[in-house]
Amino acid sequence: MLPDLSVVWVIFFLLVLTVILDRFLFRPIQRVIQEREAAGRSARELADRSAREAAAATAEFETKTAAARAEVYRQMDDVLRVARQARTDLLTETRAHAEQEIAAASAQLQAEVDEARRRLQTDAEMLGAAAADRILGRKAS
């Protein structure tokens, strides 16, 4: 039993249609799907790489910021130490100067006291002699 010729034509057109659909529809659609998948993978890889680079840049920024902050604090400590030393030196110098002034004033005061005592002694002797002269009515020797 031979199949009807129309069955052969249907099979022939079915095969031709299958080839045509495969070449002009299914393959281009499959290629577009693969290109989209590749583009998606590429975009994900690019996003992952960008995220890693951003994380590395952030870490580097934080490291440099911490180092700069530490340097600023060190410089501030240095300036503070120098200022404290300058204050200590100034206080020492001021104390020494004040002690010299006090010593000079004390020496001058002592000299004035000694001079006043000497004058008082002389004046007392003169007053004593004058009082003795007056009391005795003559010059006491």
N, C-alpha and C. Protein backbone atom coordinates (compact mmCIF):
# COMPACT_ATOMS: atom_id res chain seq x y z
N MET A 1 0.76 -1.13 0.00
CA MET A 1 0.00 0.00 0.00
C MET A 1 0.85 1.26 0.00
N LEU A 2 0.63 1.95 -0.95
CA LEU A 2 1.34 3.19 -1.18
C LEU A 2 0.53 4.36 -0.66
N PRO A 3 1.22 5.20 -0.04
CA PRO A 3 0.44 6.32 0.49
C PRO A 3 0.02 7.23 -0.65
N ASP A 4 -0.91 7.95 -0.35
CA ASP A 4 -1.46 8.89 -1.32
C ASP A 4 -0.41 9.97 -1.58
N LEU A 5 -0.38 10.46 -2.81
CA LEU A 5 0.59 11.47 -3.20
C LEU A 5 0.43 12.75 -2.38
N SER A 6 -0.71 13.06 -1.93
CA SER A 6 -0.93 14.26 -1.13
C SER A 6 -0.20 14.15 0.22
N VAL A 7 -0.08 12.94 0.71
CA VAL A 7 0.64 12.73 1.98
C VAL A 7 2.12 13.05 1.76
N VAL A 8 2.64 12.68 0.62
CA VAL A 8 4.04 12.94 0.31
C VAL A 8 4.25 14.44 0.20
N TRP A 9 3.29 15.11 -0.46
CA TRP A 9 3.41 16.57 -0.58
C TRP A 9 3.30 17.24 0.79
N VAL A 10 2.49 16.76 1.62
CA VAL A 10 2.34 17.33 2.96
C VAL A 10 3.66 17.13 3.73
N ILE A 11 4.23 15.94 3.61
CA ILE A 11 5.50 15.67 4.29
C ILE A 11 6.58 16.56 3.70
N PHE A 12 6.60 16.71 2.37
CA PHE A 12 7.59 17.57 1.73
C PHE A 12 7.45 19.01 2.20
N PHE A 13 6.23 19.55 2.14
CA PHE A 13 6.03 20.94 2.59
C PHE A 13 6.30 21.11 4.10
N LEU A 14 6.00 20.07 4.83
CA LEU A 14 6.27 20.11 6.26
C LEU A 14 7.78 20.20 6.51
N LEU A 15 8.55 19.42 5.75
CA LEU A 15 10.01 19.47 5.89
C LEU A 15 10.56 20.81 5.41
N VAL A 16 10.04 21.32 4.30
CA VAL A 16 10.49 22.62 3.78
C VAL A 16 10.13 23.71 4.79
N LEU A 17 8.93 23.65 5.30
CA LEU A 17 8.49 24.63 6.28
C LEU A 17 9.32 24.55 7.56
N THR A 18 9.69 23.34 7.95
CA THR A 18 10.53 23.15 9.12
C THR A 18 11.90 23.79 8.89
N VAL A 19 12.48 23.57 7.72
CA VAL A 19 13.79 24.16 7.39
C VAL A 19 13.68 25.68 7.35
N ILE A 20 12.64 26.18 6.70
CA ILE A 20 12.47 27.63 6.59
C ILE A 20 12.27 28.25 7.98
N LEU A 21 11.40 27.64 8.78
CA LEU A 21 11.16 28.16 10.13
C LEU A 21 12.43 28.08 10.98
N ASP A 22 13.16 26.99 10.80
CA ASP A 22 14.39 26.84 11.58
C ASP A 22 15.41 27.92 11.19
N ARG A 23 15.59 28.16 9.90
CA ARG A 23 16.58 29.13 9.43
C ARG A 23 16.17 30.57 9.67
N PHE A 24 14.94 30.89 9.42
CA PHE A 24 14.52 32.29 9.44
C PHE A 24 13.79 32.72 10.72
N LEU A 25 13.39 31.77 11.55
CA LEU A 25 12.66 32.16 12.76
C LEU A 25 13.33 31.64 14.03
N PHE A 26 13.48 30.31 14.10
CA PHE A 26 13.99 29.74 15.35
C PHE A 26 15.45 30.09 15.62
N ARG A 27 16.32 30.00 14.63
CA ARG A 27 17.73 30.33 14.83
C ARG A 27 17.92 31.81 15.19
N PRO A 28 17.29 32.76 14.47
CA PRO A 28 17.43 34.16 14.87
C PRO A 28 16.89 34.44 16.28
N ILE A 29 15.76 33.80 16.59
CA ILE A 29 15.21 33.99 17.93
C ILE A 29 16.17 33.41 18.97
N GLN A 30 16.71 32.24 18.70
CA GLN A 30 17.65 31.62 19.63
C GLN A 30 18.92 32.47 19.75
N ARG A 31 19.39 33.02 18.64
CA ARG A 31 20.58 33.88 18.67
C ARG A 31 20.30 35.15 19.49
N VAL A 32 19.13 35.75 19.33
CA VAL A 32 18.77 36.93 20.10
C VAL A 32 18.70 36.59 21.58
N ILE A 33 18.11 35.44 21.90
CA ILE A 33 18.02 35.01 23.30
C ILE A 33 19.41 34.81 23.88
N GLN A 34 20.30 34.17 23.13
CA GLN A 34 21.67 33.96 23.60
C GLN A 34 22.41 35.28 23.76
N GLU A 35 22.20 36.21 22.83
CA GLU A 35 22.85 37.52 22.93
C GLU A 35 22.35 38.26 24.16
N ARG A 36 21.04 38.16 24.43
CA ARG A 36 20.50 38.82 25.62
C ARG A 36 21.05 38.19 26.89
N GLU A 37 21.17 36.87 26.90
CA GLU A 37 21.75 36.21 28.06
C GLU A 37 23.21 36.64 28.25
N ALA A 38 23.95 36.70 27.14
CA ALA A 38 25.35 37.13 27.21
C ALA A 38 25.44 38.58 27.69
N ALA A 39 24.54 39.44 27.18
CA ALA A 39 24.54 40.83 27.62
C ALA A 39 24.20 40.92 29.11
N GLY A 40 23.28 40.11 29.56
CA GLY A 40 22.92 40.09 30.99
C GLY A 40 24.09 39.64 31.84
N ARG A 41 24.76 38.56 31.40
CA ARG A 41 25.96 38.08 32.11
C ARG A 41 27.03 39.16 32.13
N SER A 42 27.23 39.79 30.99
CA SER A 42 28.24 40.84 30.90
C SER A 42 27.89 42.01 31.83
N ALA A 43 26.63 42.37 31.84
CA ALA A 43 26.21 43.46 32.73
C ALA A 43 26.39 43.08 34.19
N ARG A 44 26.07 41.83 34.55
CA ARG A 44 26.26 41.37 35.93
C ARG A 44 27.74 41.38 36.28
N GLU A 45 28.58 40.87 35.37
CA GLU A 45 30.02 40.86 35.61
C GLU A 45 30.56 42.29 35.76
N LEU A 46 30.08 43.19 34.91
CA LEU A 46 30.50 44.58 34.99
C LEU A 46 30.04 45.19 36.31
N ALA A 47 28.82 44.91 36.71
CA ALA A 47 28.31 45.43 37.99
C ALA A 47 29.10 44.86 39.15
N ASP A 48 29.40 43.56 39.11
CA ASP A 48 30.21 42.95 40.18
C ASP A 48 31.59 43.56 40.24
N ARG A 49 32.21 43.74 39.08
CA ARG A 49 33.54 44.33 39.03
C ARG A 49 33.50 45.77 39.54
N SER A 50 32.48 46.51 39.12
CA SER A 50 32.34 47.89 39.59
C SER A 50 32.13 47.93 41.10
N ALA A 51 31.33 47.00 41.63
CA ALA A 51 31.11 46.95 43.08
C ALA A 51 32.41 46.63 43.81
N ARG A 52 33.20 45.69 43.27
CA ARG A 52 34.49 45.37 43.89
C ARG A 52 35.43 46.58 43.85
N GLU A 53 35.47 47.26 42.70
CA GLU A 53 36.33 48.44 42.58
C GLU A 53 35.87 49.54 43.53
N ALA A 54 34.55 49.71 43.64
CA ALA A 54 34.04 50.73 44.56
C ALA A 54 34.39 50.37 46.00
N ALA A 55 34.28 49.10 46.35
CA ALA A 55 34.63 48.67 47.71
C ALA A 55 36.12 48.89 47.96
N ALA A 56 36.95 48.58 46.96
CA ALA A 56 38.39 48.79 47.11
C ALA A 56 38.70 50.28 47.23
N ALA A 57 38.04 51.11 46.41
CA ALA A 57 38.26 52.55 46.48
C ALA A 57 37.80 53.10 47.84
N THR A 58 36.68 52.59 48.34
CA THR A 58 36.19 53.02 49.66
C THR A 58 37.18 52.62 50.74
N ALA A 59 37.69 51.41 50.67
CA ALA A 59 38.67 50.96 51.67
C ALA A 59 39.93 51.81 51.59
N GLU A 60 40.38 52.10 50.38
CA GLU A 60 41.57 52.94 50.22
C GLU A 60 41.32 54.34 50.76
N PHE A 61 40.13 54.89 50.47
CA PHE A 61 39.76 56.21 50.99
C PHE A 61 39.76 56.20 52.51
N GLU A 62 39.16 55.19 53.10
CA GLU A 62 39.11 55.09 54.56
C GLU A 62 40.53 54.98 55.15
N THR A 63 41.37 54.20 54.49
CA THR A 63 42.75 54.05 54.96
C THR A 63 43.49 55.38 54.90
N LYS A 64 43.36 56.07 53.76
CA LYS A 64 44.04 57.35 53.61
C LYS A 64 43.47 58.39 54.57
N THR A 65 42.15 58.36 54.77
CA THR A 65 41.53 59.30 55.70
C THR A 65 42.02 59.04 57.12
N ALA A 66 42.09 57.77 57.50
CA ALA A 66 42.58 57.43 58.84
C ALA A 66 44.03 57.86 59.00
N ALA A 67 44.83 57.65 57.96
CA ALA A 67 46.24 58.07 58.04
C ALA A 67 46.36 59.59 58.14
N ALA A 68 45.56 60.30 57.35
CA ALA A 68 45.58 61.76 57.40
C ALA A 68 45.11 62.26 58.77
N ARG A 69 44.07 61.63 59.30
CA ARG A 69 43.56 62.01 60.62
C ARG A 69 44.64 61.77 61.68
N ALA A 70 45.31 60.63 61.59
CA ALA A 70 46.38 60.33 62.54
C ALA A 70 47.51 61.34 62.43
N GLU A 71 47.85 61.74 61.20
CA GLU A 71 48.90 62.74 60.99
C GLU A 71 48.49 64.08 61.58
N VAL A 72 47.24 64.46 61.37
CA VAL A 72 46.75 65.74 61.94
C VAL A 72 46.81 65.69 63.46
N TYR A 73 46.37 64.58 64.05
CA TYR A 73 46.43 64.45 65.50
C TYR A 73 47.88 64.49 66.00
N ARG A 74 48.78 63.86 65.27
CA ARG A 74 50.19 63.88 65.66
C ARG A 74 50.73 65.30 65.60
N GLN A 75 50.39 66.03 64.53
CA GLN A 75 50.84 67.41 64.41
C GLN A 75 50.25 68.27 65.53
N MET A 76 48.98 68.04 65.84
CA MET A 76 48.35 68.80 66.93
C MET A 76 49.05 68.50 68.25
N ASP A 77 49.40 67.23 68.47
CA ASP A 77 50.13 66.87 69.68
C ASP A 77 51.50 67.54 69.72
N ASP A 78 52.17 67.58 68.57
CA ASP A 78 53.48 68.25 68.50
C ASP A 78 53.35 69.73 68.84
N VAL A 79 52.35 70.37 68.24
CA VAL A 79 52.15 71.80 68.49
C VAL A 79 51.81 72.02 69.96
N LEU A 80 50.96 71.17 70.52
CA LEU A 80 50.59 71.29 71.93
C LEU A 80 51.81 71.08 72.83
N ARG A 81 52.64 70.10 72.49
CA ARG A 81 53.84 69.85 73.28
C ARG A 81 54.79 71.04 73.21
N VAL A 82 54.96 71.62 72.02
CA VAL A 82 55.82 72.79 71.87
C VAL A 82 55.25 73.97 72.65
N ALA A 83 53.93 74.15 72.58
CA ALA A 83 53.30 75.25 73.31
C ALA A 83 53.46 75.06 74.82
N ARG A 84 53.29 73.83 75.28
CA ARG A 84 53.47 73.57 76.72
C ARG A 84 54.92 73.83 77.14
N GLN A 85 55.85 73.41 76.30
CA GLN A 85 57.26 73.63 76.61
C GLN A 85 57.56 75.13 76.63
N ALA A 86 57.00 75.86 75.67
CA ALA A 86 57.21 77.31 75.63
C ALA A 86 56.60 77.96 76.87
N ARG A 87 55.42 77.49 77.28
CA ARG A 87 54.79 78.04 78.49
C ARG A 87 55.65 77.74 79.72
N THR A 88 56.17 76.50 79.79
CA THR A 88 57.03 76.13 80.91
C THR A 88 58.30 76.98 80.93
N ASP A 89 58.89 77.16 79.75
CA ASP A 89 60.10 78.00 79.66
C ASP A 89 59.79 79.43 80.07
N LEU A 90 58.67 79.95 79.59
CA LEU A 90 58.29 81.33 79.93
C LEU A 90 58.03 81.46 81.42
N LEU A 91 57.35 80.48 82.02
CA LEU A 91 57.12 80.52 83.46
C LEU A 91 58.43 80.46 84.24
N THR A 92 59.34 79.60 83.80
CA THR A 92 60.64 79.49 84.46
C THR A 92 61.40 80.80 84.36
N GLU A 93 61.41 81.37 83.16
CA GLU A 93 62.10 82.64 82.95
C GLU A 93 61.45 83.75 83.78
N THR A 94 60.13 83.76 83.81
CA THR A 94 59.41 84.78 84.58
C THR A 94 59.69 84.62 86.07
N ARG A 95 59.68 83.38 86.55
CA ARG A 95 59.99 83.14 87.96
C ARG A 95 61.41 83.59 88.30
N ALA A 96 62.34 83.25 87.41
CA ALA A 96 63.74 83.65 87.65
C ALA A 96 63.85 85.17 87.68
N HIS A 97 63.19 85.82 86.74
CA HIS A 97 63.22 87.28 86.68
C HIS A 97 62.57 87.86 87.93
N ALA A 98 61.43 87.29 88.33
CA ALA A 98 60.74 87.77 89.54
C ALA A 98 61.61 87.56 90.77
N GLU A 99 62.28 86.42 90.87
CA GLU A 99 63.17 86.16 92.00
C GLU A 99 64.33 87.14 92.02
N GLN A 100 64.86 87.47 90.83
CA GLN A 100 65.93 88.46 90.75
C GLN A 100 65.42 89.82 91.21
N GLU A 101 64.23 90.18 90.75
CA GLU A 101 63.64 91.47 91.14
C GLU A 101 63.40 91.50 92.65
N ILE A 102 62.88 90.37 93.19
CA ILE A 102 62.63 90.30 94.63
C ILE A 102 63.95 90.39 95.39
N ALA A 103 64.96 89.67 94.90
CA ALA A 103 66.26 89.71 95.57
C ALA A 103 66.84 91.12 95.51
N ALA A 104 66.73 91.78 94.35
CA ALA A 104 67.25 93.15 94.21
C ALA A 104 66.47 94.09 95.12
N ALA A 105 65.13 93.92 95.15
CA ALA A 105 64.31 94.79 96.00
C ALA A 105 64.63 94.52 97.48
N SER A 106 64.82 93.25 97.82
CA SER A 106 65.17 92.91 99.22
C SER A 106 66.52 93.50 99.59
N ALA A 107 67.49 93.43 98.69
CA ALA A 107 68.82 93.99 98.95
C ALA A 107 68.72 95.50 99.10
N GLN A 108 67.95 96.14 98.22
CA GLN A 108 67.79 97.58 98.30
C GLN A 108 67.07 97.96 99.59
N LEU A 109 66.02 97.18 99.94
CA LEU A 109 65.30 97.44 101.18
C LEU A 109 66.21 97.27 102.39
N GLN A 110 67.03 96.20 102.35
CA GLN A 110 67.97 95.97 103.47
C GLN A 110 68.97 97.12 103.56
N ALA A 111 69.44 97.59 102.40
CA ALA A 111 70.38 98.73 102.40
C ALA A 111 69.70 99.96 102.97
N GLU A 112 68.44 100.18 102.56
CA GLU A 112 67.71 101.33 103.08
C GLU A 112 67.46 101.19 104.58
N VAL A 113 67.14 99.96 105.02
CA VAL A 113 66.94 99.72 106.46
C VAL A 113 68.23 99.99 107.21
N ASP A 114 69.35 99.46 106.67
CA ASP A 114 70.64 99.69 107.33
C ASP A 114 70.96 101.18 107.38
N GLU A 115 70.70 101.89 106.25
CA GLU A 115 70.95 103.34 106.20
C GLU A 115 70.04 104.06 107.19
N ALA A 116 68.77 103.63 107.26
CA ALA A 116 67.84 104.26 108.20
C ALA A 116 68.28 103.99 109.63
N ARG A 117 68.75 102.80 109.93
CA ARG A 117 69.24 102.49 111.27
C ARG A 117 70.46 103.34 111.61
N ARG A 118 71.35 103.44 110.63
CA ARG A 118 72.55 104.25 110.85
C ARG A 118 72.16 105.70 111.12
N ARG A 119 71.22 106.23 110.29
CA ARG A 119 70.76 107.60 110.49
C ARG A 119 70.05 107.76 111.83
N LEU A 120 69.21 106.76 112.14
CA LEU A 120 68.51 106.80 113.43
C LEU A 120 69.52 106.76 114.59
N GLN A 121 70.53 105.91 114.40
CA GLN A 121 71.57 105.82 115.44
C GLN A 121 72.26 107.17 115.59
N THR A 122 72.62 107.77 114.46
CA THR A 122 73.29 109.07 114.49
C THR A 122 72.36 110.12 115.08
N ASP A 123 71.11 110.11 114.60
CA ASP A 123 70.14 111.08 115.11
C ASP A 123 69.89 110.87 116.59
N ALA A 124 69.83 109.60 117.01
CA ALA A 124 69.60 109.31 118.43
C ALA A 124 70.78 109.81 119.27
N GLU A 125 71.97 109.60 118.75
CA GLU A 125 73.15 110.07 119.48
C GLU A 125 73.12 111.59 119.56
N MET A 126 72.75 112.24 118.46
CA MET A 126 72.70 113.70 118.45
C MET A 126 71.60 114.20 119.37
N LEU A 127 70.45 113.57 119.32
CA LEU A 127 69.35 113.96 120.19
C LEU A 127 69.71 113.70 121.65
N GLY A 128 70.35 112.56 121.89
CA GLY A 128 70.77 112.25 123.25
C GLY A 128 71.75 113.29 123.78
N ALA A 129 72.71 113.67 122.91
CA ALA A 129 73.69 114.68 123.29
C ALA A 129 73.01 116.02 123.50
N ALA A 130 72.05 116.36 122.61
CA ALA A 130 71.32 117.63 122.74
C ALA A 130 70.48 117.61 124.00
N ALA A 131 69.85 116.47 124.29
CA ALA A 131 69.04 116.39 125.52
C ALA A 131 69.94 116.49 126.75
N ALA A 132 71.07 115.84 126.69
CA ALA A 132 72.00 115.90 127.84
C ALA A 132 72.49 117.32 128.02
N ASP A 133 72.77 118.02 126.91
CA ASP A 133 73.21 119.42 127.00
C ASP A 133 72.12 120.27 127.61
N ARG A 134 70.94 120.07 127.22
CA ARG A 134 69.85 120.85 127.73
C ARG A 134 69.59 120.56 129.19
N ILE A 135 69.64 119.28 129.51
CA ILE A 135 69.38 118.90 130.90
C ILE A 135 70.50 119.43 131.77
N LEU A 136 71.69 119.26 131.34
CA LEU A 136 72.83 119.70 132.14
C LEU A 136 73.05 121.21 131.99
N GLY A 137 72.56 121.76 130.98
CA GLY A 137 72.73 123.18 130.75
C GLY A 137 74.10 123.49 130.20
N ARG A 138 74.84 122.57 129.90
CA ARG A 138 76.15 122.76 129.30
C ARG A 138 76.41 121.65 128.31
N LYS A 139 77.48 121.74 127.65
CA LYS A 139 77.79 120.75 126.62
C LYS A 139 78.39 119.55 127.29
N ALA A 140 77.77 118.40 127.08
CA ALA A 140 78.27 117.16 127.67
C ALA A 140 79.34 116.59 126.75
N SER A 141 80.35 116.02 127.37
CA SER A 141 81.41 115.49 126.56
C SER A 141 81.42 114.01 126.53
